[in-house]
Amino acid sequence: MIAVIMAGGAGTRFWPLSREKYPKQYLSLFDNKTMLQETVERLYPVIGPESIYIVSTELQRPLIRENVPAIPEQNLIIEPFGRNTAPCIALSAFFLKQKYPLDETMLVLPSDHVIIEHNIFLKSLELAETAARDGYLVTFGIKPDYPATGYGYIELGENINSHINRISNFKEKPDYETAKLFLQAGSYYWNSGMFMWSIGTILESFNKYSPDIYKPFLSIEELWKEKGLDTDIGHLYKILPKKPVDVSIMEKAVEGVVIPVNYHWNDVGSWRAVSELSEKNEDNNTLPDNAICINSESNYIHSKKLVTLIDIDNLIVIETDDAILISRKESAEKVKDIVEKIQEKGWSQYL
């Protein structure tokens, strides 16, 4: 089993701490380890660093070397620029095809998820590897414990065995009432965005279900053979469509299956999620030592300056050297809109 960790995202929902040159996956949001470090080290009981590959951009190469120096330099797969998860995964599969037999299993993970019960996670990888060797495209469904509206869902289909189901449907992020129905039904699981398949199976699936992605990679592969894996492929990569792998492959594939798992998982998609996962005091506040709150509850503060709150609840306060974010917790998803406004104004120094 080899692992591919997708680590090229910009993390705009974590502005102002996350920036283009220092994205979310390199932040230490919960302890002294970054999210990328946690993701890599979570795999070590079953996958050594020599079999872990990281997909990212050239801009982030120094951050990867600093964060996970045990990962060999030749295990970095460089995207010329982001084109969503389908091209990213296709790039990884074609890259790995140059190094491994087609029946080698390939685990694909985002770099910024939180998983609490590592032993259950590792056990699910064993089940997924067996299914991948049988020719399935495997995803992992997280058993929901509340009616989340921030996640997509997977509806379980027929049982293949006691651990694996066919995929009946993918559902987009629902409204609250629909999410409650999903929770009550018991057959809907959160879409984790984690996958397992063999290199050969995913390449065949791109050829069958997304030829608009597969065919340009045949030209990229020829260029690699002629000039090496480090050659510039930007002129070919830019013609690829920006599509997620769920849409390009998983929603179409008859080979798609889901392993339902039950462990505490979070894709940490906003400052609100960070707040929910962080340690809190008796007033449900997460505060640095230099903060004072009076009659204030359920606030999250990240700042080196003295911050004081009076009669205020449910705030996110993030301070850096050049910017301050203040938001209601329920509006934390809109931080990406702030980043878009900054881009529109041409204030690149704040990005």
Protein backbone atom coordinates (compact mmCIF):
# COMPACT_ATOMS: atom_id res chain seq x y z
CA MET A 1 0.00 0.00 0.00
CA ILE A 2 1.20 3.48 -0.87
CA ALA A 3 -0.39 6.76 0.21
CA VAL A 4 -0.96 10.00 -1.66
CA ILE A 5 -1.67 13.07 0.46
CA MET A 6 -3.26 16.03 -1.32
CA ALA A 7 -1.66 19.12 0.21
CA GLY A 8 -1.94 21.86 -2.37
CA GLY A 9 -4.96 23.76 -1.05
CA ALA A 10 -4.92 27.46 -0.16
CA GLY A 11 -7.12 27.20 2.95
CA THR A 12 -8.95 30.48 2.32
CA ARG A 13 -11.50 29.77 5.07
CA PHE A 14 -8.65 30.11 7.58
CA TRP A 15 -7.62 33.61 6.64
CA PRO A 16 -5.92 35.63 8.08
CA LEU A 17 -3.76 32.90 9.64
CA SER A 18 -3.71 30.86 6.44
CA ARG A 19 -2.08 32.63 3.49
CA GLU A 20 -1.04 31.69 -0.05
CA LYS A 21 2.54 31.15 1.13
CA TYR A 22 1.49 29.44 4.38
CA PRO A 23 -1.78 27.52 3.91
CA LYS A 24 -3.97 25.76 6.44
CA GLN A 25 -2.25 22.36 6.31
CA TYR A 26 0.94 23.90 7.73
CA LEU A 27 -0.80 25.45 10.73
CA SER A 28 -0.65 24.03 14.25
CA LEU A 29 -4.29 24.54 15.18
CA PHE A 30 -4.64 22.07 18.04
CA ASP A 31 -1.18 21.22 19.40
CA ASN A 32 2.45 21.59 18.40
CA LYS A 33 2.06 19.55 15.21
CA THR A 34 0.79 20.83 11.90
CA MET A 35 -2.15 19.17 10.19
CA LEU A 36 0.14 17.75 7.50
CA GLN A 37 2.42 16.25 10.15
CA GLU A 38 -0.57 14.67 11.88
CA THR A 39 -1.80 13.19 8.59
CA VAL A 40 1.57 11.68 7.72
CA GLU A 41 2.31 10.31 11.19
CA ARG A 42 -1.16 8.75 11.42
CA LEU A 43 -0.08 6.40 8.62
CA TYR A 44 3.27 5.31 10.04
CA PRO A 45 2.05 2.09 11.70
CA VAL A 46 1.17 0.69 8.25
CA ILE A 47 2.95 2.90 5.67
CA GLY A 48 6.51 4.14 6.02
CA PRO A 49 7.69 7.54 4.75
CA GLU A 50 9.31 5.97 1.68
CA SER A 51 5.81 4.93 0.50
CA ILE A 52 4.05 8.23 1.22
CA TYR A 53 3.71 10.76 -1.61
CA ILE A 54 2.58 14.36 -1.27
CA VAL A 55 0.90 16.32 -4.06
CA SER A 56 1.31 20.07 -3.86
CA THR A 57 2.62 23.14 -5.68
CA GLU A 58 6.19 24.29 -6.20
CA LEU A 59 5.47 27.23 -3.90
CA GLN A 60 4.78 24.84 -1.03
CA ARG A 61 7.81 22.59 -1.58
CA PRO A 62 9.89 24.31 1.16
CA LEU A 63 7.02 23.99 3.64
CA ILE A 64 6.69 20.27 2.92
CA ARG A 65 10.42 19.73 3.38
CA GLU A 66 10.28 21.65 6.68
CA ASN A 67 7.17 19.86 7.98
CA VAL A 68 7.87 16.26 6.96
CA PRO A 69 11.60 15.92 6.21
CA ALA A 70 11.32 12.11 6.43
CA ILE A 71 9.37 12.07 3.15
CA PRO A 72 11.93 11.67 0.33
CA GLU A 73 12.30 14.60 -2.05
CA GLN A 74 11.45 12.33 -4.99
CA ASN A 75 8.09 11.57 -3.33
CA LEU A 76 6.80 15.09 -3.98
CA ILE A 77 4.37 15.26 -6.90
CA ILE A 78 4.20 18.85 -8.11
CA GLU A 79 1.03 20.24 -9.67
CA PRO A 80 1.64 23.22 -11.96
CA PHE A 81 -1.53 24.71 -10.45
CA GLY A 82 -4.69 23.43 -8.78
CA ARG A 83 -7.43 21.92 -10.94
CA ASN A 84 -9.53 20.24 -8.21
CA THR A 85 -9.22 16.65 -6.98
CA ALA A 86 -9.83 14.68 -10.20
CA PRO A 87 -6.80 16.06 -12.11
CA CYS A 88 -4.75 15.91 -8.89
CA ILE A 89 -5.53 12.21 -8.46
CA ALA A 90 -5.00 11.46 -12.15
CA LEU A 91 -1.61 13.19 -11.99
CA SER A 92 -0.70 11.07 -8.96
CA ALA A 93 -1.80 7.81 -10.58
CA PHE A 94 0.10 8.46 -13.82
CA PHE A 95 3.16 9.51 -11.78
CA LEU A 96 3.02 6.38 -9.64
CA LYS A 97 2.53 4.21 -12.72
CA GLN A 98 6.12 5.08 -13.61
CA LYS A 99 7.34 3.58 -10.33
CA TYR A 100 4.97 0.76 -9.29
CA PRO A 101 3.05 -2.16 -10.82
CA LEU A 102 -0.54 -1.41 -11.73
CA ASP A 103 -1.90 -3.71 -9.00
CA GLU A 104 -0.29 -1.62 -6.24
CA THR A 105 -2.94 -0.13 -3.95
CA MET A 106 -3.14 3.64 -3.63
CA LEU A 107 -4.65 5.39 -0.61
CA VAL A 108 -5.67 9.02 -1.24
CA LEU A 109 -6.09 11.41 1.69
CA PRO A 110 -6.56 15.15 2.19
CA SER A 111 -3.84 16.73 4.31
CA ASP A 112 -6.07 18.55 6.78
CA HIS A 113 -8.49 16.13 8.43
CA VAL A 114 -8.72 15.31 12.13
CA ILE A 115 -9.23 11.65 13.08
CA ILE A 116 -9.32 10.73 16.77
CA GLU A 117 -9.41 6.91 16.93
CA HIS A 118 -6.32 5.99 14.94
CA ASN A 119 -6.69 2.26 15.55
CA ILE A 120 -10.15 2.16 13.94
CA PHE A 121 -8.87 4.27 11.05
CA LEU A 122 -5.97 1.88 10.43
CA LYS A 123 -8.30 -1.13 10.58
CA SER A 124 -10.50 0.47 7.91
CA LEU A 125 -7.43 0.79 5.67
CA GLU A 126 -6.92 -2.98 5.85
CA LEU A 127 -10.51 -3.56 4.73
CA ALA A 128 -10.15 -1.00 1.96
CA GLU A 129 -6.92 -2.52 0.68
CA THR A 130 -8.58 -5.93 0.33
CA ALA A 131 -11.46 -4.40 -1.63
CA ALA A 132 -9.08 -2.36 -3.81
CA ARG A 133 -7.16 -5.51 -4.72
CA ASP A 134 -10.50 -6.98 -5.85
CA GLY A 135 -10.93 -4.12 -8.34
CA TYR A 136 -13.19 -1.78 -6.35
CA LEU A 137 -12.99 1.99 -6.06
CA VAL A 138 -13.30 2.48 -2.31
CA THR A 139 -14.38 5.52 -0.37
CA PHE A 140 -14.92 5.88 3.37
CA GLY A 141 -18.27 6.97 4.82
CA ILE A 142 -18.27 8.46 8.31
CA LYS A 143 -21.22 7.53 10.53
CA PRO A 144 -22.90 10.85 11.37
CA ASP A 145 -23.60 11.75 14.97
CA TYR A 146 -25.52 14.98 14.27
CA PRO A 147 -27.40 16.46 11.28
CA ALA A 148 -24.43 18.22 9.66
CA THR A 149 -25.14 20.62 6.81
CA GLY A 150 -21.49 21.25 5.97
CA TYR A 151 -20.74 17.78 4.58
CA GLY A 152 -21.84 15.84 1.55
CA TYR A 153 -23.42 12.44 2.20
CA ILE A 154 -23.17 8.94 0.73
CA GLU A 155 -26.24 6.71 0.71
CA LEU A 156 -25.38 3.08 1.36
CA GLY A 157 -26.52 0.54 -1.20
CA GLU A 158 -26.56 -3.25 -1.03
CA ASN A 159 -24.11 -5.10 1.16
CA ILE A 160 -21.15 -6.71 -0.59
CA ASN A 161 -20.02 -8.18 2.71
CA SER A 162 -20.28 -7.27 6.38
CA HIS A 163 -17.85 -4.35 5.96
CA ILE A 164 -18.54 -2.93 2.49
CA ASN A 165 -21.58 -1.56 0.67
CA ARG A 166 -22.21 -0.46 -2.85
CA ILE A 167 -22.80 3.27 -3.26
CA SER A 168 -26.44 4.07 -3.87
CA ASN A 169 -26.15 7.86 -4.19
CA PHE A 170 -24.00 10.86 -3.45
CA LYS A 171 -25.88 13.75 -1.88
CA GLU A 172 -24.72 17.35 -1.83
CA LYS A 173 -24.58 19.33 1.40
CA PRO A 174 -28.19 19.31 2.64
CA ASP A 175 -30.25 21.87 4.48
CA TYR A 176 -30.88 21.21 8.17
CA GLU A 177 -34.24 19.48 7.77
CA THR A 178 -32.87 17.15 5.09
CA ALA A 179 -29.81 16.43 7.23
CA LYS A 180 -32.12 15.38 10.07
CA LEU A 181 -33.90 12.96 7.73
CA PHE A 182 -30.53 11.54 6.64
CA LEU A 183 -29.55 11.01 10.27
CA GLN A 184 -32.86 9.30 11.10
CA ALA A 185 -32.65 7.02 8.04
CA GLY A 186 -29.37 5.52 9.25
CA SER A 187 -28.22 4.72 5.70
CA TYR A 188 -26.53 8.03 4.98
CA TYR A 189 -22.89 8.60 5.89
CA TRP A 190 -20.69 11.68 5.64
CA ASN A 191 -18.54 11.78 2.51
CA SER A 192 -14.99 11.78 3.89
CA GLY A 193 -13.13 12.54 0.66
CA MET A 194 -10.73 9.64 1.39
CA PHE A 195 -10.24 6.87 -1.18
CA MET A 196 -8.46 3.58 -1.92
CA TRP A 197 -7.98 1.79 -5.24
CA SER A 198 -5.25 0.15 -7.28
CA ILE A 199 -3.26 2.31 -9.66
CA GLY A 200 -4.56 0.28 -12.58
CA THR A 201 -8.21 0.49 -11.54
CA ILE A 202 -8.24 4.27 -11.14
CA LEU A 203 -6.44 4.76 -14.47
CA GLU A 204 -8.96 2.48 -16.20
CA SER A 205 -11.76 4.46 -14.52
CA PHE A 206 -10.44 7.80 -15.80
CA ASN A 207 -10.23 6.31 -19.30
CA LYS A 208 -13.78 4.96 -19.04
CA TYR A 209 -15.60 7.72 -17.16
CA SER A 210 -13.52 10.90 -17.69
CA PRO A 211 -11.65 10.73 -21.00
CA ASP A 212 -11.44 14.55 -20.95
CA ILE A 213 -8.97 14.10 -18.09
CA TYR A 214 -7.39 10.81 -19.18
CA LYS A 215 -6.43 11.74 -22.74
CA PRO A 216 -4.30 14.83 -21.90
CA PHE A 217 -2.37 12.68 -19.46
CA LEU A 218 -1.30 10.38 -22.28
CA SER A 219 0.57 13.37 -23.71
CA ILE A 220 1.97 14.20 -20.26
CA GLU A 221 3.14 10.61 -19.90
CA GLU A 222 4.95 10.77 -23.25
CA LEU A 223 6.62 14.04 -22.18
CA TRP A 224 7.76 12.42 -18.93
CA LYS A 225 9.26 9.49 -20.83
CA GLU A 226 11.10 11.90 -23.13
CA LYS A 227 12.30 14.51 -20.63
CA GLY A 228 11.83 13.06 -17.14
CA LEU A 229 9.30 13.45 -14.32
CA ASP A 230 10.58 16.92 -13.41
CA THR A 231 9.80 18.46 -16.79
CA ASP A 232 7.31 21.33 -17.06
CA ILE A 233 3.80 20.03 -17.89
CA GLY A 234 1.94 23.30 -17.30
CA HIS A 235 0.93 23.81 -20.94
CA LEU A 236 -0.83 20.42 -20.90
CA TYR A 237 -2.14 20.61 -17.35
CA LYS A 238 -3.96 23.90 -17.95
CA ILE A 239 -6.36 22.29 -20.44
CA LEU A 240 -7.67 19.84 -17.83
CA PRO A 241 -11.20 20.52 -16.52
CA LYS A 242 -11.58 21.59 -12.91
CA LYS A 243 -13.59 18.66 -11.53
CA PRO A 244 -13.78 16.80 -8.22
CA VAL A 245 -13.14 13.07 -8.36
CA ASP A 246 -16.62 12.38 -6.95
CA VAL A 247 -18.20 13.91 -10.06
CA SER A 248 -15.62 12.64 -12.54
CA ILE A 249 -15.41 9.06 -11.33
CA MET A 250 -17.24 7.97 -8.19
CA GLU A 251 -20.76 9.05 -9.14
CA LYS A 252 -20.48 7.14 -12.43
CA ALA A 253 -18.51 4.06 -11.49
CA VAL A 254 -20.24 0.72 -11.01
CA GLU A 255 -17.04 -0.33 -9.19
CA GLY A 256 -17.62 2.30 -6.48
CA VAL A 257 -18.09 1.04 -2.91
CA VAL A 258 -18.15 2.60 0.54
CA ILE A 259 -16.73 1.32 3.81
CA PRO A 260 -18.91 2.68 6.65
CA VAL A 261 -16.70 3.69 9.58
CA ASN A 262 -17.45 5.00 13.03
CA TYR A 263 -14.71 7.23 14.37
CA HIS A 264 -14.52 10.89 15.30
CA TRP A 265 -13.63 12.71 12.08
CA ASN A 266 -13.68 16.33 11.00
CA ASP A 267 -12.51 17.93 7.78
CA VAL A 268 -11.83 21.15 9.72
CA GLY A 269 -13.45 23.32 7.09
CA SER A 270 -13.78 26.57 9.02
CA TRP A 271 -12.77 28.46 12.15
CA ARG A 272 -16.01 27.25 13.69
CA ALA A 273 -14.83 23.65 13.27
CA VAL A 274 -11.50 24.54 14.90
CA SER A 275 -13.42 26.07 17.78
CA GLU A 276 -15.54 22.94 18.22
CA LEU A 277 -12.44 20.73 18.31
CA SER A 278 -10.39 22.91 20.66
CA GLU A 279 -10.11 22.75 24.45
CA LYS A 280 -12.48 25.09 26.27
CA ASN A 281 -12.78 26.64 29.71
CA GLU A 282 -15.79 26.58 32.00
CA ASP A 283 -17.52 29.25 29.87
CA ASN A 284 -16.97 27.25 26.69
CA ASN A 285 -14.36 29.75 25.51
CA THR A 286 -11.09 28.89 23.79
CA LEU A 287 -8.64 31.61 24.78
CA PRO A 288 -4.92 32.38 24.87
CA ASP A 289 -3.43 33.27 28.25
CA ASN A 290 -3.56 36.98 27.41
CA ALA A 291 -7.35 37.18 26.97
CA ILE A 292 -10.02 38.31 29.42
CA CYS A 293 -13.71 37.56 28.99
CA ILE A 294 -16.46 38.97 31.21
CA ASN A 295 -19.94 37.48 30.90
CA SER A 296 -18.96 36.06 27.53
CA GLU A 297 -19.38 32.46 26.34
CA SER A 298 -18.51 30.18 23.42
CA ASN A 299 -15.86 32.42 21.87
CA TYR A 300 -12.68 31.41 20.05
CA ILE A 301 -9.71 33.80 20.22
CA HIS A 302 -6.33 33.47 18.55
CA SER A 303 -4.11 36.47 19.21
CA LYS A 304 -0.73 37.53 20.61
CA LYS A 305 -2.25 40.79 21.79
CA LEU A 306 -4.41 41.30 24.87
CA VAL A 307 -7.99 40.68 23.80
CA THR A 308 -10.92 41.51 26.10
CA LEU A 309 -14.58 40.61 25.55
CA ILE A 310 -17.55 41.91 27.54
CA ASP A 311 -21.08 40.52 27.16
CA ILE A 312 -20.27 38.84 23.84
CA ASP A 313 -21.00 35.26 22.78
CA ASN A 314 -20.16 33.01 19.83
CA LEU A 315 -17.40 35.11 18.28
CA ILE A 316 -14.33 34.11 16.29
CA VAL A 317 -11.44 36.55 16.78
CA ILE A 318 -8.24 35.90 14.80
CA GLU A 319 -5.37 38.41 14.93
CA THR A 320 -2.12 38.39 12.95
CA ASP A 321 0.56 41.04 12.48
CA ASP A 322 -1.31 42.69 9.61
CA ALA A 323 -4.97 41.69 9.89
CA ILE A 324 -7.83 40.97 12.27
CA LEU A 325 -10.86 38.78 11.60
CA ILE A 326 -13.99 39.09 13.74
CA SER A 327 -16.94 36.88 12.86
CA ARG A 328 -19.96 35.24 14.38
CA LYS A 329 -19.33 31.50 14.61
CA GLU A 330 -22.29 30.69 12.40
CA SER A 331 -20.83 32.95 9.69
CA ALA A 332 -17.35 31.42 9.68
CA GLU A 333 -17.87 29.80 6.26
CA LYS A 334 -18.03 33.33 4.77
CA VAL A 335 -14.34 33.97 5.47
CA LYS A 336 -13.63 32.81 1.92
CA ASP A 337 -15.85 35.69 0.74
CA ILE A 338 -13.58 38.12 2.58
CA VAL A 339 -10.59 36.65 0.73
CA GLU A 340 -12.42 37.17 -2.57
CA LYS A 341 -13.05 40.82 -1.66
CA ILE A 342 -9.38 41.29 -0.84
CA GLN A 343 -8.48 39.76 -4.21
CA GLU A 344 -10.93 42.09 -5.99
CA LYS A 345 -9.31 45.11 -4.33
CA GLY A 346 -5.86 43.96 -5.40
CA TRP A 347 -4.56 43.88 -1.82
CA SER A 348 -2.18 41.01 -2.51
CA GLN A 349 -0.08 41.84 0.56
CA TYR A 350 -2.91 40.44 2.71
CA LEU A 351 -3.15 37.16 0.81
